[in-house]
Protein backbone atom coordinates (compact mmCIF):
# COMPACT_ATOMS: atom_id res chain seq x y z
CA MET A 1 50.59 75.39 119.89
CA VAL A 2 50.15 71.91 118.40
CA PHE A 3 49.50 69.71 121.50
CA ALA A 4 48.28 71.15 124.83
CA THR A 5 47.19 69.79 127.79
CA GLN A 6 43.03 70.08 128.86
CA ARG A 7 44.20 73.42 130.52
CA GLY A 8 45.98 74.85 127.24
CA ARG A 9 50.12 74.41 128.27
CA PRO A 10 52.55 72.66 126.65
CA MET A 11 52.92 69.48 126.81
CA GLU A 12 55.95 68.02 127.76
CA ARG A 13 57.91 66.30 125.51
CA SER A 14 57.71 62.92 126.47
CA GLU A 15 54.12 62.81 127.28
CA ASP A 16 52.21 61.43 123.97
CA TYR A 17 55.30 58.13 124.74
CA LYS A 18 54.18 57.56 127.88
CA VAL A 19 50.71 57.15 126.94
CA TRP A 20 52.00 54.97 124.22
CA LYS A 21 53.67 52.96 126.60
CA SER A 22 50.56 53.33 128.75
CA ILE A 23 48.33 52.24 125.99
CA LEU A 24 50.08 48.88 125.36
CA LYS A 25 49.88 47.71 129.01
CA ARG A 26 46.94 48.26 129.30
CA ALA A 27 45.88 46.02 126.30
CA ASP A 28 48.25 43.85 127.16
CA VAL A 29 50.25 43.53 123.98
CA ARG A 30 54.35 43.47 123.37
CA ASP A 31 56.67 46.95 124.01
CA ALA A 32 57.03 48.83 120.65
CA ARG A 33 57.87 51.58 119.18
CA LEU A 34 55.02 54.26 118.16
CA HIS A 35 56.27 54.87 114.83
CA ASP A 36 55.97 50.62 114.77
CA ALA A 37 52.19 50.98 114.69
CA ARG A 38 52.52 52.55 111.20
CA HIS A 39 54.94 50.34 109.75
CA THR A 40 51.08 47.99 111.15
CA ALA A 41 48.22 50.32 109.99
CA GLY A 42 50.69 50.37 106.63
CA THR A 43 51.48 46.79 105.99
CA LEU A 44 47.68 45.86 107.36
CA LEU A 45 45.71 48.09 104.63
CA VAL A 46 48.07 46.68 101.98
CA GLU A 47 47.01 43.68 102.84
CA GLN A 48 43.11 44.06 102.51
CA GLY A 49 43.75 45.06 99.37
CA VAL A 50 43.77 49.20 99.69
CA ASN A 51 46.01 51.35 97.42
CA VAL A 52 49.06 52.05 97.96
CA ARG A 53 48.16 56.09 97.24
CA VAL A 54 44.96 56.00 99.76
CA VAL A 55 47.65 53.64 101.71
CA GLN A 56 49.94 57.16 101.11
CA GLU A 57 47.57 59.55 102.14
CA ILE A 58 46.85 57.76 105.49
CA LEU A 59 50.09 58.07 106.45
CA GLY A 60 51.08 61.74 105.15
CA HIS A 61 53.59 60.67 103.63
CA ALA A 62 54.13 63.20 100.61
CA ARG A 63 55.57 60.10 98.31
CA VAL A 64 54.52 56.94 97.30
CA THR A 65 57.86 55.61 96.86
CA THR A 66 58.29 56.66 101.02
CA THR A 67 54.86 54.13 101.59
CA GLU A 68 55.88 51.05 99.53
CA ARG A 69 59.29 51.40 101.40
CA TYR A 70 57.76 51.81 105.46
CA THR A 71 54.81 48.72 104.67
CA HIS A 72 56.34 45.36 104.70
CA VAL A 73 54.13 42.72 102.50
CA ALA A 74 52.24 40.64 104.01
CA SER A 75 53.06 36.93 103.95
CA ASP A 76 50.57 35.57 101.99
CA LEU A 77 51.62 37.84 99.22
CA MET A 78 55.23 36.73 99.66
CA ARG A 79 54.17 32.65 99.34
CA ASP A 80 52.09 33.70 96.35
CA ALA A 81 55.05 35.46 95.35
CA SER A 82 57.68 32.74 95.88
CA LYS A 83 55.59 30.11 95.16
CA ARG A 84 55.38 32.01 91.00
CA MET A 85 58.73 33.06 90.74
CA GLY A 86 59.83 29.38 91.95
CA SER A 87 58.45 27.58 89.35
CA ALA A 88 59.66 30.15 86.81
CA LEU A 89 63.04 29.32 87.54
CA CYS A 90 62.91 25.97 87.97
CA GLY A 91 59.77 24.84 85.90
CA ASP A 92 57.74 21.95 87.29
CA GLY A 93 61.31 20.92 88.22
CA GLU A 94 61.81 22.36 92.53
CA PRO A 95 59.42 25.01 93.51
CA GLN A 96 59.53 24.33 96.13
CA ARG A 97 62.85 24.34 97.33
CA ALA A 98 63.32 27.88 95.06
CA THR A 99 60.07 29.22 97.62
CA ALA A 100 61.91 28.43 100.78
CA ILE A 101 65.58 29.03 99.07
CA MET A 102 63.62 32.95 98.16
CA THR A 103 62.08 32.97 101.20
CA LEU A 104 64.16 33.36 103.48
CA TYR A 105 66.30 35.73 101.59
CA ARG A 106 63.19 37.82 100.80
CA ASP A 107 65.10 41.02 103.29
CA GLN A 108 68.47 40.33 101.93
CA LYS A 109 68.97 43.10 99.39
CA GLY A 110 70.34 41.65 96.07
CA PRO A 111 69.78 38.32 94.37
CA HIS A 112 70.72 35.22 96.13
CA PRO A 113 73.75 34.20 94.57
CA GLU A 114 71.98 30.67 93.86
CA PHE A 115 69.73 32.59 91.81
CA GLY A 116 72.21 35.36 89.55
């Protein structure tokens, strides 16, 4: 058995779920899925500058593309990229407006109509 009780008996299927919910409650943290914690861990590692290949190993992904989809770009990194793209698209004219629009649509698939 991979997961067993302290007495060596099989764990109930929902035991890890119960333990996770108990941990969240004791820590006074908002309710979240255990899977969300994996996303958070991956994102925090990327934010700290850990190479995505190392994050891949930690999370146990077979492919780095899974890790890249799994982690979320940190807000500071996103703001920096948006500013750079805004300057590239609008020159010195309205980079703040471009940055604001790109930030609003950063999670949307496909190009924003205003930027082609």
